[in-house]
Protein backbone atom coordinates (compact mmCIF):
# COMPACT_ATOMS: atom_id res chain seq x y z
CA MET A 1 2.80 -39.12 -73.35
CA LEU A 2 6.08 -39.96 -75.09
CA GLN A 3 7.87 -37.41 -72.89
CA ARG A 4 6.66 -39.18 -69.75
CA ILE A 5 7.91 -42.53 -70.97
CA LYS A 6 11.32 -41.04 -71.82
CA ILE A 7 11.71 -39.43 -68.38
CA TRP A 8 10.63 -42.64 -66.63
CA SER A 9 13.07 -44.63 -68.75
CA GLU A 10 15.96 -42.31 -67.86
CA LYS A 11 15.18 -42.59 -64.15
CA GLY A 12 15.12 -46.36 -64.44
CA GLN A 13 18.44 -46.32 -66.23
CA GLY A 14 20.01 -44.22 -63.44
CA ILE A 15 18.74 -46.59 -60.77
CA VAL A 16 20.17 -49.58 -62.62
CA GLU A 17 23.54 -47.85 -62.99
CA TYR A 18 23.71 -47.09 -59.26
CA ALA A 19 22.74 -50.67 -58.45
CA LEU A 20 25.51 -52.01 -60.68
CA ILE A 21 28.08 -49.72 -59.07
CA LEU A 22 26.93 -50.79 -55.61
CA ALA A 23 27.11 -54.47 -56.58
CA PHE A 24 30.65 -53.96 -57.91
CA VAL A 25 31.82 -52.24 -54.71
CA VAL A 26 30.27 -54.97 -52.54
CA ALA A 27 31.91 -57.69 -54.65
CA ILE A 28 35.33 -56.05 -54.30
CA ALA A 29 34.85 -55.69 -50.53
CA VAL A 30 33.83 -59.34 -50.16
CA ILE A 31 36.83 -60.49 -52.19
CA ALA A 32 39.18 -58.29 -50.13
CA LEU A 33 37.81 -59.59 -46.83
CA LYS A 34 37.64 -63.26 -47.80
CA THR A 35 41.06 -63.69 -49.35
CA ASP A 36 43.91 -65.04 -47.29
CA SER A 37 46.18 -62.33 -48.59
CA GLY A 38 47.91 -59.83 -46.35
CA MET A 39 45.38 -57.18 -47.29
CA GLY A 40 42.41 -59.30 -46.23
CA GLN A 41 44.06 -60.17 -42.94
CA ALA A 42 45.01 -56.53 -42.30
CA ILE A 43 41.45 -55.38 -42.91
CA GLN A 44 40.06 -58.06 -40.61
CA ALA A 45 42.60 -57.15 -37.91
CA LYS A 46 41.60 -53.49 -38.13
CA PHE A 47 37.88 -54.36 -37.89
CA THR A 48 38.63 -56.49 -34.83
CA GLU A 49 40.64 -53.67 -33.26
CA VAL A 50 37.84 -51.16 -33.83
CA THR A 51 35.22 -53.58 -32.51
CA ASN A 52 37.27 -54.18 -29.38
CA LYS A 53 37.67 -50.45 -28.79
CA ILE A 54 33.94 -49.88 -29.21
CA ASN A 55 33.16 -52.70 -26.79
CA GLY A 56 35.85 -51.54 -24.37
CA THR A 57 37.67 -54.88 -24.46
CA GLY A 58 41.09 -55.97 -25.55
CA THR A 59 44.34 -54.11 -25.52
CA THR A 60 44.87 -50.60 -26.71
CA THR A 61 47.79 -49.56 -28.85
CA PRO A 62 49.18 -46.01 -28.86
């Protein structure tokens, strides 16, 4: 019985670790996209460019 509890506890710990890593990555992405820095603006411009290419609108650059 104790073995089962230990295995279940380790699985739960792994899930929590992955969730924390995911939350950290999402937080960094949100900060990068929301800031008015050059990096945030460059990322938004690239997303806009890709969206326009997918939709077939806008200008294309070589």
